[in-house]
């Protein structure tokens, strides 16, 4: 694979332009074994809710590709379009070229100005991770009814309000509404699929964009895999959807001005191997 065909190098995958053969003009996604998380007691703790790559999990790329293939095919069955075309190797798939939701810098003459490269949309079934750290007045694991947030994607993702997206001109009000509805619909499909395996999705994140050769309609791109989902075992909701075992599962701390939250029953990256074989 020619390095000069590299389009984008990310934390979990690399994107290459295909210049010859039956898929000429399409993109090749190569899923990598690198995994994000944090360091605790000098050891890597893998967690897709974090932005920093802390190590490798052998075979993770193939697992992520298999997951993405499963869910892209499922979405197609449900009538939800994506950029997916085909899977050609254990850790490689072919996709339609797509333009992520982005915005050019308005005043490049000002030092420090930068374009909005692309957006990610998180959706949350429960209050944990960065959501709880930002809003510690909320009970851990409270039902959030798939609340959707937008984030600028980069080395460190930054929350951007939906109102700010509209006011800055990054997206129109109609596009924002369409994107939120799309994310919630896909989130529901993903959540139900995990429910069939007696597992509960805590939260996830999707990247949206427009197909290069499409009609401009916003679709899901990138991936749906263990890299973008947090899943737990033992979820036991009350009539309001709040987990009744959160006191045994959620572990919080406040030290040196920083809040942390962990979920004891969160499914580890290694455990994803046996799901959706």
C-alpha atoms as a PDB file:
ATOM      1  CA  UNK A   1       0.000   0.000   0.000  1.00  0.00           C
ATOM      2  CA  UNK A   2       1.654   3.209  -1.152  1.00  0.00           C
ATOM      3  CA  UNK A   3       2.236   5.697   1.650  1.00  0.00           C
ATOM      4  CA  UNK A   4       1.706   8.544  -0.794  1.00  0.00           C
ATOM      5  CA  UNK A   5      -1.918   7.437  -1.121  1.00  0.00           C
ATOM      6  CA  UNK A   6      -2.472   8.158   2.562  1.00  0.00           C
ATOM      7  CA  UNK A   7      -5.444  10.483   3.029  1.00  0.00           C
ATOM      8  CA  UNK A   8      -5.672  10.523   6.811  1.00  0.00           C
ATOM      9  CA  UNK A   9      -3.877   8.890   9.733  1.00  0.00           C
ATOM     10  CA  UNK A  10      -6.019   8.510  12.832  1.00  0.00           C
ATOM     11  CA  UNK A  11      -5.805   6.977  16.274  1.00  0.00           C
ATOM     12  CA  UNK A  12      -7.635   3.779  15.327  1.00  0.00           C
ATOM     13  CA  UNK A  13      -7.386   3.604  11.542  1.00  0.00           C
ATOM     14  CA  UNK A  14      -5.637   4.932   8.455  1.00  0.00           C
ATOM     15  CA  UNK A  15      -7.428   6.020   5.272  1.00  0.00           C
ATOM     16  CA  UNK A  16      -5.934   5.476   1.812  1.00  0.00           C
ATOM     17  CA  UNK A  17      -7.043   6.564  -1.648  1.00  0.00           C
ATOM     18  CA  UNK A  18      -7.379   3.662  -4.087  1.00  0.00           C
ATOM     19  CA  UNK A  19      -5.899   4.618  -7.460  1.00  0.00           C
ATOM     20  CA  UNK A  20      -6.326   1.439  -9.490  1.00  0.00           C
ATOM     21  CA  UNK A  21      -8.438  -1.696  -9.820  1.00  0.00           C
ATOM     22  CA  UNK A  22     -12.178  -2.210  -9.446  1.00  0.00           C
ATOM     23  CA  UNK A  23     -12.341   0.102  -6.425  1.00  0.00           C
ATOM     24  CA  UNK A  24     -10.395   2.949  -8.035  1.00  0.00           C
ATOM     25  CA  UNK A  25     -11.557   6.286  -6.663  1.00  0.00           C
ATOM     26  CA  UNK A  26     -12.795   4.765  -3.416  1.00  0.00           C
ATOM     27  CA  UNK A  27     -11.127   4.795   0.002  1.00  0.00           C
ATOM     28  CA  UNK A  28      -9.552   1.928   1.916  1.00  0.00           C
ATOM     29  CA  UNK A  29      -9.915   1.967   5.717  1.00  0.00           C
ATOM     30  CA  UNK A  30      -7.177   0.070   7.554  1.00  0.00           C
ATOM     31  CA  UNK A  31      -8.116  -0.640  11.164  1.00  0.00           C
ATOM     32  CA  UNK A  32      -5.160  -0.612  13.566  1.00  0.00           C
ATOM     33  CA  UNK A  33      -4.389  -2.356  16.842  1.00  0.00           C
ATOM     34  CA  UNK A  34      -3.722   0.933  18.655  1.00  0.00           C
ATOM     35  CA  UNK A  35      -6.151   1.631  21.495  1.00  0.00           C
ATOM     36  CA  UNK A  36      -7.039   4.717  23.514  1.00  0.00           C
ATOM     37  CA  UNK A  37      -7.330   4.992  27.279  1.00  0.00           C
ATOM     38  CA  UNK A  38      -5.358   6.265  30.246  1.00  0.00           C
ATOM     39  CA  UNK A  39      -2.386   5.290  32.398  1.00  0.00           C
ATOM     40  CA  UNK A  40      -3.047   4.135  35.948  1.00  0.00           C
ATOM     41  CA  UNK A  41      -0.307   2.876  38.263  1.00  0.00           C
ATOM     42  CA  UNK A  42       2.064   2.906  35.270  1.00  0.00           C
ATOM     43  CA  UNK A  43      -0.203   0.517  33.360  1.00  0.00           C
ATOM     44  CA  UNK A  44      -2.371   1.177  30.308  1.00  0.00           C
ATOM     45  CA  UNK A  45      -6.108   1.036  30.922  1.00  0.00           C
ATOM     46  CA  UNK A  46      -7.939   0.820  27.612  1.00  0.00           C
ATOM     47  CA  UNK A  47     -11.133   2.869  27.378  1.00  0.00           C
ATOM     48  CA  UNK A  48     -12.717   4.199  24.137  1.00  0.00           C
ATOM     49  CA  UNK A  49     -14.019   7.228  26.032  1.00  0.00           C
ATOM     50  CA  UNK A  50     -10.497   8.702  26.092  1.00  0.00           C
ATOM     51  CA  UNK A  51      -8.576  10.407  23.268  1.00  0.00           C
ATOM     52  CA  UNK A  52      -4.989   9.303  23.950  1.00  0.00           C
ATOM     53  CA  UNK A  53      -3.448   6.178  22.431  1.00  0.00           C
ATOM     54  CA  UNK A  54      -1.869   4.225  25.295  1.00  0.00           C
ATOM     55  CA  UNK A  55      -0.904   0.953  23.642  1.00  0.00           C
ATOM     56  CA  UNK A  56      -1.851  -1.870  21.319  1.00  0.00           C
ATOM     57  CA  UNK A  57      -4.252  -4.784  21.605  1.00  0.00           C
ATOM     58  CA  UNK A  58      -3.189  -7.575  19.209  1.00  0.00           C
ATOM     59  CA  UNK A  59      -6.010  -8.334  16.783  1.00  0.00           C
ATOM     60  CA  UNK A  60      -8.035  -5.277  17.782  1.00  0.00           C
ATOM     61  CA  UNK A  61      -8.027  -3.876  14.242  1.00  0.00           C
ATOM     62  CA  UNK A  62      -9.614  -7.025  12.846  1.00  0.00           C
ATOM     63  CA  UNK A  63     -12.208  -7.023  15.642  1.00  0.00           C
ATOM     64  CA  UNK A  64     -13.092  -3.386  14.963  1.00  0.00           C
ATOM     65  CA  UNK A  65     -13.409  -4.064  11.244  1.00  0.00           C
ATOM     66  CA  UNK A  66     -15.677  -7.055  11.863  1.00  0.00           C
ATOM     67  CA  UNK A  67     -17.868  -4.965  14.154  1.00  0.00           C
ATOM     68  CA  UNK A  68     -18.064  -2.105  11.672  1.00  0.00           C
ATOM     69  CA  UNK A  69     -18.977  -4.537   8.894  1.00  0.00           C
ATOM     70  CA  UNK A  70     -21.734  -6.082  11.024  1.00  0.00           C
ATOM     71  CA  UNK A  71     -23.310  -2.751  11.899  1.00  0.00           C
ATOM     72  CA  UNK A  72     -22.973  -1.104   8.482  1.00  0.00           C
ATOM     73  CA  UNK A  73     -24.747  -4.102   6.942  1.00  0.00           C
ATOM     74  CA  UNK A  74     -27.403  -3.929   9.660  1.00  0.00           C
ATOM     75  CA  UNK A  75     -27.955  -0.214   8.999  1.00  0.00           C
ATOM     76  CA  UNK A  76     -28.342  -0.929   5.296  1.00  0.00           C
ATOM     77  CA  UNK A  77     -31.049  -3.479   6.127  1.00  0.00           C
ATOM     78  CA  UNK A  78     -32.793  -0.771   8.166  1.00  0.00           C
ATOM     79  CA  UNK A  79     -32.637   1.685   5.271  1.00  0.00           C
ATOM     80  CA  UNK A  80     -29.974   3.943   6.813  1.00  0.00           C
ATOM     81  CA  UNK A  81     -27.259   4.964   4.315  1.00  0.00           C
ATOM     82  CA  UNK A  82     -23.542   5.029   5.097  1.00  0.00           C
ATOM     83  CA  UNK A  83     -20.273   5.171   3.217  1.00  0.00           C
ATOM     84  CA  UNK A  84     -19.713   1.393   3.473  1.00  0.00           C
ATOM     85  CA  UNK A  85     -19.087  -0.641   0.293  1.00  0.00           C
ATOM     86  CA  UNK A  86     -17.320  -3.907   1.147  1.00  0.00           C
ATOM     87  CA  UNK A  87     -14.880  -5.640   3.512  1.00  0.00           C
ATOM     88  CA  UNK A  88     -11.842  -7.090   1.735  1.00  0.00           C
ATOM     89  CA  UNK A  89      -9.553  -8.243   4.572  1.00  0.00           C
ATOM     90  CA  UNK A  90      -9.807  -8.948   8.281  1.00  0.00           C
ATOM     91  CA  UNK A  91      -8.873  -5.365   9.077  1.00  0.00           C
ATOM     92  CA  UNK A  92      -9.652  -3.526   5.826  1.00  0.00           C
ATOM     93  CA  UNK A  93     -12.838  -2.220   4.240  1.00  0.00           C
ATOM     94  CA  UNK A  94     -13.718  -0.198   1.185  1.00  0.00           C
ATOM     95  CA  UNK A  95     -15.849   2.931   1.568  1.00  0.00           C
ATOM     96  CA  UNK A  96     -17.163   5.768  -0.554  1.00  0.00           C
ATOM     97  CA  UNK A  97     -15.086   8.948  -0.276  1.00  0.00           C
ATOM     98  CA  UNK A  98     -16.885  11.337   2.027  1.00  0.00           C
ATOM     99  CA  UNK A  99     -16.453  14.865   3.287  1.00  0.00           C
ATOM    100  CA  UNK A 100     -16.722  15.136   7.079  1.00  0.00           C
ATOM    101  CA  UNK A 101     -18.880  17.910   8.488  1.00  0.00           C
ATOM    102  CA  UNK A 102     -16.431  20.809   8.634  1.00  0.00           C
ATOM    103  CA  UNK A 103     -15.942  24.538   8.085  1.00  0.00           C
ATOM    104  CA  UNK A 104     -13.130  26.579   6.555  1.00  0.00           C
ATOM    105  CA  UNK A 105     -11.485  29.199   8.726  1.00  0.00           C
ATOM    106  CA  UNK A 106     -13.176  32.573   8.207  1.00  0.00           C
ATOM    107  CA  UNK A 107     -10.200  34.818   8.983  1.00  0.00           C
ATOM    108  CA  UNK A 108      -6.923  32.985   8.327  1.00  0.00           C
ATOM    109  CA  UNK A 109      -4.989  36.250   8.646  1.00  0.00           C
ATOM    110  CA  UNK A 110      -5.510  36.146  12.433  1.00  0.00           C
ATOM    111  CA  UNK A 111      -2.803  34.129  14.230  1.00  0.00           C
ATOM    112  CA  UNK A 112      -4.227  31.087  15.936  1.00  0.00           C
ATOM    113  CA  UNK A 113      -7.197  30.784  13.594  1.00  0.00           C
ATOM    114  CA  UNK A 114      -7.935  27.236  12.452  1.00  0.00           C
ATOM    115  CA  UNK A 115     -10.591  25.444  10.414  1.00  0.00           C
ATOM    116  CA  UNK A 116     -13.169  23.073  11.836  1.00  0.00           C
ATOM    117  CA  UNK A 117     -11.837  19.831  10.388  1.00  0.00           C
ATOM    118  CA  UNK A 118     -14.686  17.494  11.299  1.00  0.00           C
ATOM    119  CA  UNK A 119     -17.339  16.793  13.885  1.00  0.00           C
ATOM    120  CA  UNK A 120     -18.242  13.811  16.023  1.00  0.00           C
ATOM    121  CA  UNK A 121     -21.607  13.313  17.655  1.00  0.00           C
ATOM    122  CA  UNK A 122     -21.738  11.550  21.002  1.00  0.00           C
ATOM    123  CA  UNK A 123     -24.924   9.976  22.308  1.00  0.00           C
ATOM    124  CA  UNK A 124     -25.421   8.917  25.875  1.00  0.00           C
ATOM    125  CA  UNK A 125     -27.763   6.408  27.421  1.00  0.00           C
ATOM    126  CA  UNK A 126     -26.263   7.044  30.854  1.00  0.00           C
ATOM    127  CA  UNK A 127     -24.417   9.776  32.761  1.00  0.00           C
ATOM    128  CA  UNK A 128     -20.798   8.697  32.976  1.00  0.00           C
ATOM    129  CA  UNK A 129     -17.413   9.533  31.469  1.00  0.00           C
ATOM    130  CA  UNK A 130     -16.859  13.160  30.492  1.00  0.00           C
ATOM    131  CA  UNK A 131     -20.579  13.889  30.835  1.00  0.00           C
ATOM    132  CA  UNK A 132     -20.563  13.170  34.565  1.00  0.00           C
ATOM    133  CA  UNK A 133     -17.204  14.912  35.005  1.00  0.00           C
ATOM    134  CA  UNK A 134     -18.711  18.065  33.474  1.00  0.00           C
ATOM    135  CA  UNK A 135     -21.997  17.722  35.354  1.00  0.00           C
ATOM    136  CA  UNK A 136     -21.108  16.121  38.716  1.00  0.00           C
ATOM    137  CA  UNK A 137     -24.432  17.224  40.195  1.00  0.00           C
ATOM    138  CA  UNK A 138     -26.071  14.424  38.163  1.00  0.00           C
ATOM    139  CA  UNK A 139     -26.349  10.958  39.647  1.00  0.00           C
ATOM    140  CA  UNK A 140     -23.858   8.554  38.027  1.00  0.00           C
ATOM    141  CA  UNK A 141     -25.506   6.282  35.444  1.00  0.00           C
ATOM    142  CA  UNK A 142     -28.709   8.330  35.305  1.00  0.00           C
ATOM    143  CA  UNK A 143     -30.796   7.654  32.192  1.00  0.00           C
ATOM    144  CA  UNK A 144     -30.080  10.393  29.628  1.00  0.00           C
ATOM    145  CA  UNK A 145     -32.436   9.169  26.886  1.00  0.00           C
ATOM    146  CA  UNK A 146     -29.733   9.198  24.198  1.00  0.00           C
ATOM    147  CA  UNK A 147     -28.845  12.845  24.606  1.00  0.00           C
ATOM    148  CA  UNK A 148     -26.721  14.013  21.644  1.00  0.00           C
ATOM    149  CA  UNK A 149     -23.660  16.284  21.848  1.00  0.00           C
ATOM    150  CA  UNK A 150     -21.361  17.613  19.103  1.00  0.00           C
ATOM    151  CA  UNK A 151     -17.576  17.619  19.447  1.00  0.00           C
ATOM    152  CA  UNK A 152     -14.766  18.947  17.276  1.00  0.00           C
ATOM    153  CA  UNK A 153     -12.508  16.004  16.507  1.00  0.00           C
ATOM    154  CA  UNK A 154      -8.757  16.259  16.964  1.00  0.00           C
ATOM    155  CA  UNK A 155      -5.941  15.366  19.326  1.00  0.00           C
ATOM    156  CA  UNK A 156      -8.282  16.513  22.091  1.00  0.00           C
ATOM    157  CA  UNK A 157     -11.988  16.602  21.308  1.00  0.00           C
ATOM    158  CA  UNK A 158     -13.759  19.847  22.270  1.00  0.00           C
ATOM    159  CA  UNK A 159     -17.468  20.146  23.053  1.00  0.00           C
ATOM    160  CA  UNK A 160     -19.377  22.588  20.841  1.00  0.00           C
ATOM    161  CA  UNK A 161     -23.008  23.447  21.491  1.00  0.00           C
ATOM    162  CA  UNK A 162     -25.614  22.843  18.811  1.00  0.00           C
ATOM    163  CA  UNK A 163     -26.550  26.524  18.978  1.00  0.00           C
ATOM    164  CA  UNK A 164     -22.935  27.494  18.329  1.00  0.00           C
ATOM    165  CA  UNK A 165     -22.833  25.211  15.269  1.00  0.00           C
ATOM    166  CA  UNK A 166     -25.733  27.140  13.785  1.00  0.00           C
ATOM    167  CA  UNK A 167     -24.588  30.614  14.816  1.00  0.00           C
ATOM    168  CA  UNK A 168     -21.067  30.143  13.437  1.00  0.00           C
ATOM    169  CA  UNK A 169     -22.432  28.880  10.138  1.00  0.00           C
ATOM    170  CA  UNK A 170     -20.838  25.464  10.482  1.00  0.00           C
ATOM    171  CA  UNK A 171     -24.255  23.815  10.037  1.00  0.00           C
ATOM    172  CA  UNK A 172     -27.766  25.008   9.338  1.00  0.00           C
ATOM    173  CA  UNK A 173     -30.600  24.509  11.809  1.00  0.00           C
ATOM    174  CA  UNK A 174     -32.122  21.899   9.503  1.00  0.00           C
ATOM    175  CA  UNK A 175     -28.814  20.029   9.168  1.00  0.00           C
ATOM    176  CA  UNK A 176     -28.369  19.956  12.925  1.00  0.00           C
ATOM    177  CA  UNK A 177     -31.881  18.593  13.441  1.00  0.00           C
ATOM    178  CA  UNK A 178     -31.313  15.968  10.740  1.00  0.00           C
ATOM    179  CA  UNK A 179     -27.982  14.943  12.281  1.00  0.00           C
ATOM    180  CA  UNK A 180     -29.402  14.609  15.807  1.00  0.00           C
ATOM    181  CA  UNK A 181     -32.290  12.486  14.500  1.00  0.00           C
ATOM    182  CA  UNK A 182     -29.902  10.306  12.480  1.00  0.00           C
ATOM    183  CA  UNK A 183     -27.605   9.765  15.472  1.00  0.00           C
ATOM    184  CA  UNK A 184     -30.522   8.848  17.737  1.00  0.00           C
ATOM    185  CA  UNK A 185     -31.940   6.418  15.181  1.00  0.00           C
ATOM    186  CA  UNK A 186     -28.602   4.654  14.751  1.00  0.00           C
ATOM    187  CA  UNK A 187     -28.028   4.686  18.511  1.00  0.00           C
ATOM    188  CA  UNK A 188     -31.340   2.921  19.026  1.00  0.00           C
ATOM    189  CA  UNK A 189     -30.454   0.230  16.489  1.00  0.00           C
ATOM    190  CA  UNK A 190     -27.030  -0.286  18.079  1.00  0.00           C
ATOM    191  CA  UNK A 191     -28.502  -0.382  21.597  1.00  0.00           C
ATOM    192  CA  UNK A 192     -31.111  -2.968  20.592  1.00  0.00           C
ATOM    193  CA  UNK A 193     -28.471  -5.119  18.925  1.00  0.00           C
ATOM    194  CA  UNK A 194     -26.437  -5.220  22.125  1.00  0.00           C
ATOM    195  CA  UNK A 195     -29.579  -5.872  24.158  1.00  0.00           C
ATOM    196  CA  UNK A 196     -30.005  -9.064  22.133  1.00  0.00           C
ATOM    197  CA  UNK A 197     -26.683 -10.166  23.661  1.00  0.00           C
ATOM    198  CA  UNK A 198     -27.776  -9.151  27.191  1.00  0.00           C
ATOM    199  CA  UNK A 199     -25.464  -6.153  27.112  1.00  0.00           C
ATOM    200  CA  UNK A 200     -26.167  -2.458  27.589  1.00  0.00           C
ATOM    201  CA  UNK A 201     -24.572   0.390  25.635  1.00  0.00           C
ATOM    202  CA  UNK A 202     -23.544   3.195  27.971  1.00  0.00           C
ATOM    203  CA  UNK A 203     -22.652   5.692  25.255  1.00  0.00           C
ATOM    204  CA  UNK A 204     -21.086   6.018  21.848  1.00  0.00           C
ATOM    205  CA  UNK A 205     -19.884   8.442  19.210  1.00  0.00           C
ATOM    206  CA  UNK A 206     -20.514   8.639  15.479  1.00  0.00           C
ATOM    207  CA  UNK A 207     -18.922  10.671  12.736  1.00  0.00           C
ATOM    208  CA  UNK A 208     -21.169  12.103  10.030  1.00  0.00           C
ATOM    209  CA  UNK A 209     -20.392  13.440   6.588  1.00  0.00           C
ATOM    210  CA  UNK A 210     -21.483  13.828   2.992  1.00  0.00           C
ATOM    211  CA  UNK A 211     -20.624  11.305   0.286  1.00  0.00           C
ATOM    212  CA  UNK A 212     -18.339  12.830  -2.349  1.00  0.00           C
ATOM    213  CA  UNK A 213     -20.523  11.533  -5.174  1.00  0.00           C
ATOM    214  CA  UNK A 214     -23.830  11.795  -3.325  1.00  0.00           C
ATOM    215  CA  UNK A 215     -26.599  14.357  -3.208  1.00  0.00           C
ATOM    216  CA  UNK A 216     -25.203  16.202  -0.201  1.00  0.00           C
ATOM    217  CA  UNK A 217     -27.323  14.296   2.288  1.00  0.00           C
ATOM    218  CA  UNK A 218     -25.681  13.715   5.664  1.00  0.00           C
ATOM    219  CA  UNK A 219     -24.870  10.051   6.376  1.00  0.00           C
ATOM    220  CA  UNK A 220     -22.871   8.095   8.934  1.00  0.00           C
ATOM    221  CA  UNK A 221     -19.209   7.579   8.011  1.00  0.00           C
ATOM    222  CA  UNK A 222     -16.057   6.361   9.786  1.00  0.00           C
ATOM    223  CA  UNK A 223     -16.920   3.299  11.921  1.00  0.00           C
ATOM    224  CA  UNK A 224     -19.114   1.617  14.505  1.00  0.00           C
ATOM    225  CA  UNK A 225     -16.829  -0.530  16.625  1.00  0.00           C
ATOM    226  CA  UNK A 226     -15.425  -1.090  20.134  1.00  0.00           C
ATOM    227  CA  UNK A 227     -13.405   2.093  19.519  1.00  0.00           C
ATOM    228  CA  UNK A 228     -16.550   4.227  19.616  1.00  0.00           C
ATOM    229  CA  UNK A 229     -18.795   2.387  22.097  1.00  0.00           C
ATOM    230  CA  UNK A 230     -18.820   1.749  25.836  1.00  0.00           C
ATOM    231  CA  UNK A 231     -20.832  -1.266  26.910  1.00  0.00           C
ATOM    232  CA  UNK A 232     -21.635  -2.763  30.309  1.00  0.00           C
ATOM    233  CA  UNK A 233     -22.955  -5.968  31.852  1.00  0.00           C
ATOM    234  CA  UNK A 234     -25.557  -6.239  34.573  1.00  0.00           C
ATOM    235  CA  UNK A 235     -27.638  -3.192  33.650  1.00  0.00           C
ATOM    236  CA  UNK A 236     -30.833  -3.254  35.710  1.00  0.00           C
ATOM    237  CA  UNK A 237     -33.130  -0.283  34.994  1.00  0.00           C
ATOM    238  CA  UNK A 238     -36.029   0.954  37.100  1.00  0.00           C
ATOM    239  CA  UNK A 239     -39.254   2.263  35.535  1.00  0.00           C
ATOM    240  CA  UNK A 240     -37.506   5.539  34.687  1.00  0.00           C
ATOM    241  CA  UNK A 241     -34.598   3.787  32.983  1.00  0.00           C
ATOM    242  CA  UNK A 242     -32.090   4.594  35.734  1.00  0.00           C
ATOM    243  CA  UNK A 243     -29.762   1.731  36.605  1.00  0.00           C
ATOM    244  CA  UNK A 244     -30.587   0.299  40.040  1.00  0.00           C
ATOM    245  CA  UNK A 245     -27.118  -1.184  40.592  1.00  0.00           C
ATOM    246  CA  UNK A 246     -25.136   1.997  39.962  1.00  0.00           C
ATOM    247  CA  UNK A 247     -23.885   2.114  43.552  1.00  0.00           C
ATOM    248  CA  UNK A 248     -22.087  -1.187  43.037  1.00  0.00           C
ATOM    249  CA  UNK A 249     -20.839  -0.289  39.562  1.00  0.00           C
ATOM    250  CA  UNK A 250     -19.884   3.393  39.396  1.00  0.00           C
ATOM    251  CA  UNK A 251     -16.714   4.453  41.207  1.00  0.00           C
ATOM    252  CA  UNK A 252     -16.021   8.195  41.433  1.00  0.00           C
ATOM    253  CA  UNK A 253     -13.201  10.237  42.897  1.00  0.00           C
ATOM    254  CA  UNK A 254     -12.118  13.855  43.280  1.00  0.00           C
ATOM    255  CA  UNK A 255      -8.408  14.477  43.749  1.00  0.00           C
ATOM    256  CA  UNK A 256      -6.044  17.333  42.850  1.00  0.00           C
ATOM    257  CA  UNK A 257      -8.937  19.211  41.304  1.00  0.00           C
ATOM    258  CA  UNK A 258      -9.848  16.384  38.931  1.00  0.00           C
ATOM    259  CA  UNK A 259     -12.931  14.186  38.886  1.00  0.00           C
ATOM    260  CA  UNK A 260     -12.843  10.605  37.695  1.00  0.00           C
ATOM    261  CA  UNK A 261     -15.527   8.009  37.146  1.00  0.00           C
ATOM    262  CA  UNK A 262     -15.136   4.339  36.306  1.00  0.00           C
ATOM    263  CA  UNK A 263     -17.648   1.601  35.636  1.00  0.00           C
ATOM    264  CA  UNK A 264     -16.803  -1.745  37.203  1.00  0.00           C
ATOM    265  CA  UNK A 265     -19.059  -3.673  34.843  1.00  0.00           C
ATOM    266  CA  UNK A 266     -17.867  -2.031  31.639  1.00  0.00           C
ATOM    267  CA  UNK A 267     -16.991  -4.615  29.002  1.00  0.00           C
ATOM    268  CA  UNK A 268     -13.264  -4.566  28.263  1.00  0.00           C
ATOM    269  CA  UNK A 269     -11.921  -4.297  24.744  1.00  0.00           C
ATOM    270  CA  UNK A 270     -10.731  -7.922  24.899  1.00  0.00           C
ATOM    271  CA  UNK A 271     -14.232  -9.143  25.746  1.00  0.00           C
ATOM    272  CA  UNK A 272     -15.602  -7.679  22.530  1.00  0.00           C
ATOM    273  CA  UNK A 273     -13.916 -10.561  20.688  1.00  0.00           C
ATOM    274  CA  UNK A 274     -16.784 -12.939  21.429  1.00  0.00           C
ATOM    275  CA  UNK A 275     -19.606 -10.560  20.453  1.00  0.00           C
ATOM    276  CA  UNK A 276     -21.226 -10.711  16.990  1.00  0.00           C
ATOM    277  CA  UNK A 277     -18.959 -13.436  15.646  1.00  0.00           C
END
